[in-house]
Amino acid sequence: GSLRLSCAASGNIRRIYAMAWYRQAPGKQRE
C-alpha cells in the first residue's frame, strides 16, 4: 500500500535550508 506523510514548519522562519525524513523502528537507531 501507500501513505503520504506531511510535515509543516511554523514560527519565526526566514528560510529553510533543507528538510528531511528520518525513521526509528523499535530497538533500532534513528535513520
PDB file of all heavy atoms in Angstrom:
ATOM      1  N   GLY A   1       0.809  -1.211   0.000  1.00  0.00           N
ATOM      2  CA  GLY A   1       0.000   0.000   0.000  1.00  0.00           C
ATOM      3  C   GLY A   1       0.842   1.261   0.000  1.00  0.00           C
ATOM      4  O   GLY A   1       2.079   1.223  -0.070  1.00  0.00           O
ATOM      5  N   SER A   2       0.141   2.395   0.094  1.00  0.00           N
ATOM      6  CA  SER A   2       0.791   3.706   0.038  1.00  0.00           C
ATOM      7  C   SER A   2       0.312   4.601   1.173  1.00  0.00           C
ATOM      8  O   SER A   2      -0.811   4.459   1.659  1.00  0.00           O
ATOM      9  CB  SER A   2       0.488   4.395  -1.296  1.00  0.00           C
ATOM     10  OG  SER A   2       0.977   3.667  -2.398  1.00  0.00           O
ATOM     11  N   LEU A   3       1.176   5.517   1.559  1.00  0.00           N
ATOM     12  CA  LEU A   3       0.846   6.569   2.511  1.00  0.00           C
ATOM     13  C   LEU A   3       1.591   7.826   2.092  1.00  0.00           C
ATOM     14  O   LEU A   3       2.667   7.749   1.487  1.00  0.00           O
ATOM     15  CB  LEU A   3       1.263   6.212   3.938  1.00  0.00           C
ATOM     16  CG  LEU A   3       0.390   5.268   4.750  1.00  0.00           C
ATOM     17  CD1 LEU A   3       1.070   4.970   6.094  1.00  0.00           C
ATOM     18  CD2 LEU A   3      -0.988   5.833   4.984  1.00  0.00           C
ATOM     19  N   ARG A   4       1.025   8.968   2.454  1.00  0.00           N
ATOM     20  CA  ARG A   4       1.691  10.245   2.211  1.00  0.00           C
ATOM     21  C   ARG A   4       1.807  10.992   3.534  1.00  0.00           C
ATOM     22  O   ARG A   4       0.794  11.315   4.159  1.00  0.00           O
ATOM     23  CB  ARG A   4       0.924  11.083   1.204  1.00  0.00           C
ATOM     24  CG  ARG A   4       1.666  12.348   0.781  1.00  0.00           C
ATOM     25  CD  ARG A   4       0.768  13.251  -0.015  1.00  0.00           C
ATOM     26  NE  ARG A   4       1.489  14.320  -0.705  1.00  0.00           N
ATOM     27  CZ  ARG A   4       0.997  15.522  -0.928  1.00  0.00           C
ATOM     28  NH1 ARG A   4      -0.224  15.825  -0.521  1.00  0.00           N
ATOM     29  NH2 ARG A   4       1.705  16.432  -1.581  1.00  0.00           N
ATOM     30  N   LEU A   5       3.035  11.242   3.948  1.00  0.00           N
ATOM     31  CA  LEU A   5       3.299  11.999   5.162  1.00  0.00           C
ATOM     32  C   LEU A   5       3.503  13.470   4.816  1.00  0.00           C
ATOM     33  O   LEU A   5       4.045  13.792   3.752  1.00  0.00           O
ATOM     34  CB  LEU A   5       4.541  11.472   5.870  1.00  0.00           C
ATOM     35  CG  LEU A   5       4.568   9.983   6.210  1.00  0.00           C
ATOM     36  CD1 LEU A   5       5.849   9.657   6.977  1.00  0.00           C
ATOM     37  CD2 LEU A   5       3.359   9.578   6.992  1.00  0.00           C
ATOM     38  N   SER A   6       3.085  14.323   5.739  1.00  0.00           N
ATOM     39  CA  SER A   6       3.302  15.761   5.599  1.00  0.00           C
ATOM     40  C   SER A   6       3.964  16.287   6.861  1.00  0.00           C
ATOM     41  O   SER A   6       3.751  15.753   7.955  1.00  0.00           O
ATOM     42  CB  SER A   6       1.982  16.496   5.391  1.00  0.00           C
ATOM     43  OG  SER A   6       1.315  16.069   4.232  1.00  0.00           O
ATOM     44  N   CYS A   7       4.747  17.331   6.708  1.00  0.00           N
ATOM     45  CA  CYS A   7       5.371  17.991   7.851  1.00  0.00           C
ATOM     46  C   CYS A   7       5.376  19.484   7.585  1.00  0.00           C
ATOM     47  O   CYS A   7       6.011  19.946   6.631  1.00  0.00           O
ATOM     48  CB  CYS A   7       6.786  17.488   8.063  1.00  0.00           C
ATOM     49  SG  CYS A   7       7.700  18.398   9.339  1.00  0.00           S
ATOM     50  N   ALA A   8       4.664  20.222   8.426  1.00  0.00           N
ATOM     51  CA  ALA A   8       4.562  21.668   8.266  1.00  0.00           C
ATOM     52  C   ALA A   8       5.361  22.374   9.344  1.00  0.00           C
ATOM     53  O   ALA A   8       5.197  22.075  10.531  1.00  0.00           O
ATOM     54  CB  ALA A   8       3.103  22.098   8.330  1.00  0.00           C
ATOM     55  N   ALA A   9       6.210  23.294   8.925  1.00  0.00           N
ATOM     56  CA  ALA A   9       7.001  24.088   9.854  1.00  0.00           C
ATOM     57  C   ALA A   9       6.349  25.452  10.044  1.00  0.00           C
ATOM     58  O   ALA A   9       5.869  26.063   9.087  1.00  0.00           O
ATOM     59  CB  ALA A   9       8.420  24.262   9.332  1.00  0.00           C
ATOM     60  N   SER A  10       6.343  25.919  11.292  1.00  0.00           N
ATOM     61  CA  SER A  10       5.762  27.227  11.580  1.00  0.00           C
ATOM     62  C   SER A  10       6.606  27.944  12.611  1.00  0.00           C
ATOM     63  O   SER A  10       7.397  27.326  13.323  1.00  0.00           O
ATOM     64  CB  SER A  10       4.325  27.077  12.080  1.00  0.00           C
ATOM     65  OG  SER A  10       4.298  26.338  13.287  1.00  0.00           O
ATOM     66  N   GLY A  11       6.434  29.258  12.704  1.00  0.00           N
ATOM     67  CA  GLY A  11       7.182  30.038  13.661  1.00  0.00           C
ATOM     68  C   GLY A  11       8.013  31.104  12.982  1.00  0.00           C
ATOM     69  O   GLY A  11       7.723  31.536  11.874  1.00  0.00           O
ATOM     70  N   ASN A  12       9.079  31.517  13.661  1.00  0.00           N
ATOM     71  CA  ASN A  12       9.936  32.598  13.184  1.00  0.00           C
ATOM     72  C   ASN A  12      10.924  32.060  12.151  1.00  0.00           C
ATOM     73  O   ASN A  12      12.095  31.862  12.429  1.00  0.00           O
ATOM     74  CB  ASN A  12      10.675  33.224  14.367  1.00  0.00           C
ATOM     75  CG  ASN A  12      11.455  34.451  13.962  1.00  0.00           C
ATOM     76  OD1 ASN A  12      11.166  35.075  12.943  1.00  0.00           O
ATOM     77  ND2 ASN A  12      12.463  34.805  14.736  1.00  0.00           N
ATOM     78  N   ILE A  13      10.433  31.833  10.941  1.00  0.00           N
ATOM     79  CA  ILE A  13      11.226  31.186   9.898  1.00  0.00           C
ATOM     80  C   ILE A  13      11.487  32.171   8.775  1.00  0.00           C
ATOM     81  O   ILE A  13      10.551  32.665   8.145  1.00  0.00           O
ATOM     82  CB  ILE A  13      10.496  29.947   9.340  1.00  0.00           C
ATOM     83  CG1 ILE A  13      10.286  28.919  10.447  1.00  0.00           C
ATOM     84  CG2 ILE A  13      11.301  29.342   8.195  1.00  0.00           C
ATOM     85  CD1 ILE A  13       9.408  27.767  10.042  1.00  0.00           C
ATOM     86  N   ARG A  14      12.793  32.446   8.539  1.00  0.00           N
ATOM     87  CA  ARG A  14      13.151  33.259   7.381  1.00  0.00           C
ATOM     88  C   ARG A  14      13.341  32.384   6.155  1.00  0.00           C
ATOM     89  O   ARG A  14      12.928  32.707   5.048  1.00  0.00           O
ATOM     90  CB  ARG A  14      14.448  34.026   7.642  1.00  0.00           C
ATOM     91  CG  ARG A  14      14.329  35.305   8.403  1.00  0.00           C
ATOM     92  CD  ARG A  14      15.643  36.062   8.374  1.00  0.00           C
ATOM     93  NE  ARG A  14      16.730  35.296   8.969  1.00  0.00           N
ATOM     94  CZ  ARG A  14      17.791  34.871   8.288  1.00  0.00           C
ATOM     95  NH1 ARG A  14      17.897  35.089   7.005  1.00  0.00           N
ATOM     96  NH2 ARG A  14      18.749  34.208   8.908  1.00  0.00           N
ATOM     97  N   ARG A  15      14.012  31.247   6.407  1.00  0.00           N
ATOM     98  CA  ARG A  15      14.377  30.386   5.287  1.00  0.00           C
ATOM     99  C   ARG A  15      14.671  28.995   5.832  1.00  0.00           C
ATOM    100  O   ARG A  15      15.226  28.864   6.922  1.00  0.00           O
ATOM    101  CB  ARG A  15      15.613  30.953   4.594  1.00  0.00           C
ATOM    102  CG  ARG A  15      16.111  30.199   3.391  1.00  0.00           C
ATOM    103  CD  ARG A  15      17.341  30.908   2.828  1.00  0.00           C
ATOM    104  NE  ARG A  15      17.973  30.167   1.753  1.00  0.00           N
ATOM    105  CZ  ARG A  15      19.142  30.494   1.212  1.00  0.00           C
ATOM    106  NH1 ARG A  15      19.792  31.552   1.643  1.00  0.00           N
ATOM    107  NH2 ARG A  15      19.652  29.781   0.231  1.00  0.00           N
ATOM    108  N   ILE A  16      14.312  27.984   5.098  1.00  0.00           N
ATOM    109  CA  ILE A  16      14.619  26.608   5.477  1.00  0.00           C
ATOM    110  C   ILE A  16      15.612  26.063   4.458  1.00  0.00           C
ATOM    111  O   ILE A  16      15.306  25.969   3.269  1.00  0.00           O
ATOM    112  CB  ILE A  16      13.359  25.724   5.510  1.00  0.00           C
ATOM    113  CG1 ILE A  16      12.365  26.285   6.535  1.00  0.00           C
ATOM    114  CG2 ILE A  16      13.746  24.297   5.870  1.00  0.00           C
ATOM    115  CD1 ILE A  16      11.069  25.506   6.609  1.00  0.00           C
ATOM    116  N   TYR A  17      16.802  25.725   4.922  1.00  0.00           N
ATOM    117  CA  TYR A  17      17.837  25.234   4.014  1.00  0.00           C
ATOM    118  C   TYR A  17      17.520  23.842   3.500  1.00  0.00           C
ATOM    119  O   TYR A  17      17.712  23.548   2.318  1.00  0.00           O
ATOM    120  CB  TYR A  17      19.192  25.197   4.713  1.00  0.00           C
ATOM    121  CG  TYR A  17      19.752  26.541   5.054  1.00  0.00           C
ATOM    122  CD1 TYR A  17      20.163  26.838   6.346  1.00  0.00           C
ATOM    123  CD2 TYR A  17      19.894  27.541   4.085  1.00  0.00           C
ATOM    124  CE1 TYR A  17      20.693  28.082   6.659  1.00  0.00           C
ATOM    125  CE2 TYR A  17      20.416  28.782   4.391  1.00  0.00           C
ATOM    126  CZ  TYR A  17      20.811  29.041   5.688  1.00  0.00           C
ATOM    127  OH  TYR A  17      21.331  30.270   6.002  1.00  0.00           O
ATOM    128  N   ALA A  18      17.059  22.997   4.370  1.00  0.00           N
ATOM    129  CA  ALA A  18      16.803  21.614   3.995  1.00  0.00           C
ATOM    130  C   ALA A  18      15.772  21.018   4.935  1.00  0.00           C
ATOM    131  O   ALA A  18      15.620  21.463   6.076  1.00  0.00           O
ATOM    132  CB  ALA A  18      18.095  20.792   4.058  1.00  0.00           C
ATOM    133  N   MET A  19      15.085  20.017   4.446  1.00  0.00           N
ATOM    134  CA  MET A  19      14.170  19.259   5.277  1.00  0.00           C
ATOM    135  C   MET A  19      14.395  17.784   5.002  1.00  0.00           C
ATOM    136  O   MET A  19      14.809  17.409   3.894  1.00  0.00           O
ATOM    137  CB  MET A  19      12.715  19.656   5.019  1.00  0.00           C
ATOM    138  CG  MET A  19      12.419  21.117   5.334  1.00  0.00           C
ATOM    139  SD  MET A  19      10.671  21.546   5.267  1.00  0.00           S
ATOM    140  CE  MET A  19      10.114  20.980   6.876  1.00  0.00           C
ATOM    141  N   ALA A  20      14.141  16.975   5.999  1.00  0.00           N
ATOM    142  CA  ALA A  20      14.441  15.557   5.860  1.00  0.00           C
ATOM    143  C   ALA A  20      13.430  14.729   6.635  1.00  0.00           C
ATOM    144  O   ALA A  20      12.775  15.220   7.555  1.00  0.00           O
ATOM    145  CB  ALA A  20      15.851  15.263   6.374  1.00  0.00           C
ATOM    146  N   TRP A  21      13.346  13.481   6.247  1.00  0.00           N
ATOM    147  CA  TRP A  21      12.555  12.487   6.972  1.00  0.00           C
ATOM    148  C   TRP A  21      13.509  11.428   7.526  1.00  0.00           C
ATOM    149  O   TRP A  21      14.374  10.931   6.791  1.00  0.00           O
ATOM    150  CB  TRP A  21      11.531  11.820   6.062  1.00  0.00           C
ATOM    151  CG  TRP A  21      10.387  12.696   5.710  1.00  0.00           C
ATOM    152  CD1 TRP A  21      10.240  13.445   4.574  1.00  0.00           C
ATOM    153  CD2 TRP A  21       9.221  12.934   6.507  1.00  0.00           C
ATOM    154  NE1 TRP A  21       9.054  14.136   4.618  1.00  0.00           N
ATOM    155  CE2 TRP A  21       8.404  13.839   5.785  1.00  0.00           C
ATOM    156  CE3 TRP A  21       8.773  12.466   7.742  1.00  0.00           C
ATOM    157  CZ2 TRP A  21       7.179  14.291   6.274  1.00  0.00           C
ATOM    158  CZ3 TRP A  21       7.556  12.913   8.228  1.00  0.00           C
ATOM    159  CH2 TRP A  21       6.777  13.817   7.497  1.00  0.00           C
ATOM    160  N   TYR A  22      13.322  11.112   8.789  1.00  0.00           N
ATOM    161  CA  TYR A  22      14.026  10.034   9.458  1.00  0.00           C
ATOM    162  C   TYR A  22      12.981   9.036   9.947  1.00  0.00           C
ATOM    163  O   TYR A  22      11.789   9.341  10.024  1.00  0.00           O
ATOM    164  CB  TYR A  22      14.805  10.560  10.666  1.00  0.00           C
ATOM    165  CG  TYR A  22      16.023  11.379  10.344  1.00  0.00           C
ATOM    166  CD1 TYR A  22      15.912  12.689   9.874  1.00  0.00           C
ATOM    167  CD2 TYR A  22      17.307  10.871  10.524  1.00  0.00           C
ATOM    168  CE1 TYR A  22      17.027  13.449   9.576  1.00  0.00           C
ATOM    169  CE2 TYR A  22      18.434  11.629  10.243  1.00  0.00           C
ATOM    170  CZ  TYR A  22      18.280  12.907   9.768  1.00  0.00           C
ATOM    171  OH  TYR A  22      19.398  13.667   9.492  1.00  0.00           O
ATOM    172  N   ARG A  23      13.442   7.858  10.315  1.00  0.00           N
ATOM    173  CA  ARG A  23      12.549   6.889  10.939  1.00  0.00           C
ATOM    174  C   ARG A  23      13.296   6.100  11.992  1.00  0.00           C
ATOM    175  O   ARG A  23      14.522   5.936  11.926  1.00  0.00           O
ATOM    176  CB  ARG A  23      11.919   5.955   9.907  1.00  0.00           C
ATOM    177  CG  ARG A  23      12.892   5.007   9.233  1.00  0.00           C
ATOM    178  CD  ARG A  23      12.186   4.230   8.118  1.00  0.00           C
ATOM    179  NE  ARG A  23      13.075   3.296   7.450  1.00  0.00           N
ATOM    180  CZ  ARG A  23      12.743   2.597   6.366  1.00  0.00           C
ATOM    181  NH1 ARG A  23      11.518   2.735   5.834  1.00  0.00           N
ATOM    182  NH2 ARG A  23      13.598   1.765   5.823  1.00  0.00           N
ATOM    183  N   GLN A  24      12.537   5.614  12.959  1.00  0.00           N
ATOM    184  CA  GLN A  24      13.109   4.801  14.029  1.00  0.00           C
ATOM    185  C   GLN A  24      12.176   3.651  14.333  1.00  0.00           C
ATOM    186  O   GLN A  24      11.037   3.868  14.766  1.00  0.00           O
ATOM    187  CB  GLN A  24      13.361   5.640  15.281  1.00  0.00           C
ATOM    188  CG  GLN A  24      14.129   4.899  16.353  1.00  0.00           C
ATOM    189  CD  GLN A  24      14.646   5.815  17.440  1.00  0.00           C
ATOM    190  OE1 GLN A  24      14.181   6.944  17.607  1.00  0.00           O
ATOM    191  NE2 GLN A  24      15.636   5.355  18.185  1.00  0.00           N
ATOM    192  N   ALA A  25      12.662   2.453  14.077  1.00  0.00           N
ATOM    193  CA  ALA A  25      11.913   1.247  14.387  1.00  0.00           C
ATOM    194  C   ALA A  25      12.250   0.809  15.804  1.00  0.00           C
ATOM    195  O   ALA A  25      13.311   1.161  16.334  1.00  0.00           O
ATOM    196  CB  ALA A  25      12.254   0.153  13.388  1.00  0.00           C
ATOM    197  N   PRO A  26      11.367   0.012  16.443  1.00  0.00           N
ATOM    198  CA  PRO A  26      11.633  -0.437  17.813  1.00  0.00           C
ATOM    199  C   PRO A  26      12.970  -1.160  17.915  1.00  0.00           C
ATOM    200  O   PRO A  26      13.279  -2.046  17.110  1.00  0.00           O
ATOM    201  CB  PRO A  26      10.465  -1.375  18.096  1.00  0.00           C
ATOM    202  CG  PRO A  26       9.371  -0.900  17.212  1.00  0.00           C
ATOM    203  CD  PRO A  26      10.048  -0.429  15.962  1.00  0.00           C
ATOM    204  N   GLY A  27      13.784  -0.748  18.879  1.00  0.00           N
ATOM    205  CA  GLY A  27      15.061  -1.396  19.102  1.00  0.00           C
ATOM    206  C   GLY A  27      16.153  -1.018  18.130  1.00  0.00           C
ATOM    207  O   GLY A  27      17.254  -1.590  18.183  1.00  0.00           O
ATOM    208  N   LYS A  28      15.880  -0.072  17.241  1.00  0.00           N
ATOM    209  CA  LYS A  28      16.872   0.325  16.241  1.00  0.00           C
ATOM    210  C   LYS A  28      17.181   1.811  16.356  1.00  0.00           C
ATOM    211  O   LYS A  28      16.416   2.570  16.936  1.00  0.00           O
ATOM    212  CB  LYS A  28      16.373   0.009  14.829  1.00  0.00           C
ATOM    213  CG  LYS A  28      16.216  -1.473  14.545  1.00  0.00           C
ATOM    214  CD  LYS A  28      15.914  -1.716  13.083  1.00  0.00           C
ATOM    215  CE  LYS A  28      15.839  -3.202  12.785  1.00  0.00           C
ATOM    216  NZ  LYS A  28      15.569  -3.458  11.341  1.00  0.00           N
ATOM    217  N   GLN A  29      18.303   2.199  15.768  1.00  0.00           N
ATOM    218  CA  GLN A  29      18.682   3.609  15.779  1.00  0.00           C
ATOM    219  C   GLN A  29      17.864   4.381  14.737  1.00  0.00           C
ATOM    220  O   GLN A  29      17.388   3.810  13.747  1.00  0.00           O
ATOM    221  CB  GLN A  29      20.173   3.749  15.463  1.00  0.00           C
ATOM    222  CG  GLN A  29      21.090   3.282  16.578  1.00  0.00           C
ATOM    223  CD  GLN A  29      22.547   3.625  16.290  1.00  0.00           C
ATOM    224  OE1 GLN A  29      22.975   3.691  15.152  1.00  0.00           O
ATOM    225  NE2 GLN A  29      23.314   3.863  17.352  1.00  0.00           N
ATOM    226  N   ARG A  30      17.727   5.668  14.989  1.00  0.00           N
ATOM    227  CA  ARG A  30      17.054   6.523  14.023  1.00  0.00           C
ATOM    228  C   ARG A  30      17.912   6.607  12.758  1.00  0.00           C
ATOM    229  O   ARG A  30      19.133   6.761  12.828  1.00  0.00           O
ATOM    230  CB  ARG A  30      16.836   7.919  14.611  1.00  0.00           C
ATOM    231  CG  ARG A  30      15.913   8.795  13.803  1.00  0.00           C
ATOM    232  CD  ARG A  30      15.589  10.089  14.548  1.00  0.00           C
ATOM    233  NE  ARG A  30      14.866   9.831  15.795  1.00  0.00           N
ATOM    234  CZ  ARG A  30      14.330  10.790  16.545  1.00  0.00           C
ATOM    235  NH1 ARG A  30      14.405  12.065  16.151  1.00  0.00           N
ATOM    236  NH2 ARG A  30      13.710  10.489  17.660  1.00  0.00           N
ATOM    237  N   GLU A  31      17.262   6.476  11.602  1.00  0.00           N
ATOM    238  CA  GLU A  31      17.998   6.501  10.342  1.00  0.00           C
ATOM    239  C   GLU A  31      17.386   7.517   9.381  1.00  0.00           C
ATOM    240  O   GLU A  31      16.187   7.776   9.397  1.00  0.00           O
ATOM    241  CB  GLU A  31      17.990   5.110   9.683  1.00  0.00           C
ATOM    242  CG  GLU A  31      16.617   4.619   9.282  1.00  0.00           C
ATOM    243  CD  GLU A  31      16.670   3.313   8.499  1.00  0.00           C
ATOM    244  OE1 GLU A  31      17.753   2.845   8.149  1.00  0.00           O
ATOM    245  OE2 GLU A  31      15.565   2.772   8.228  1.00  0.00           O
TER     246      GLU A  31
END
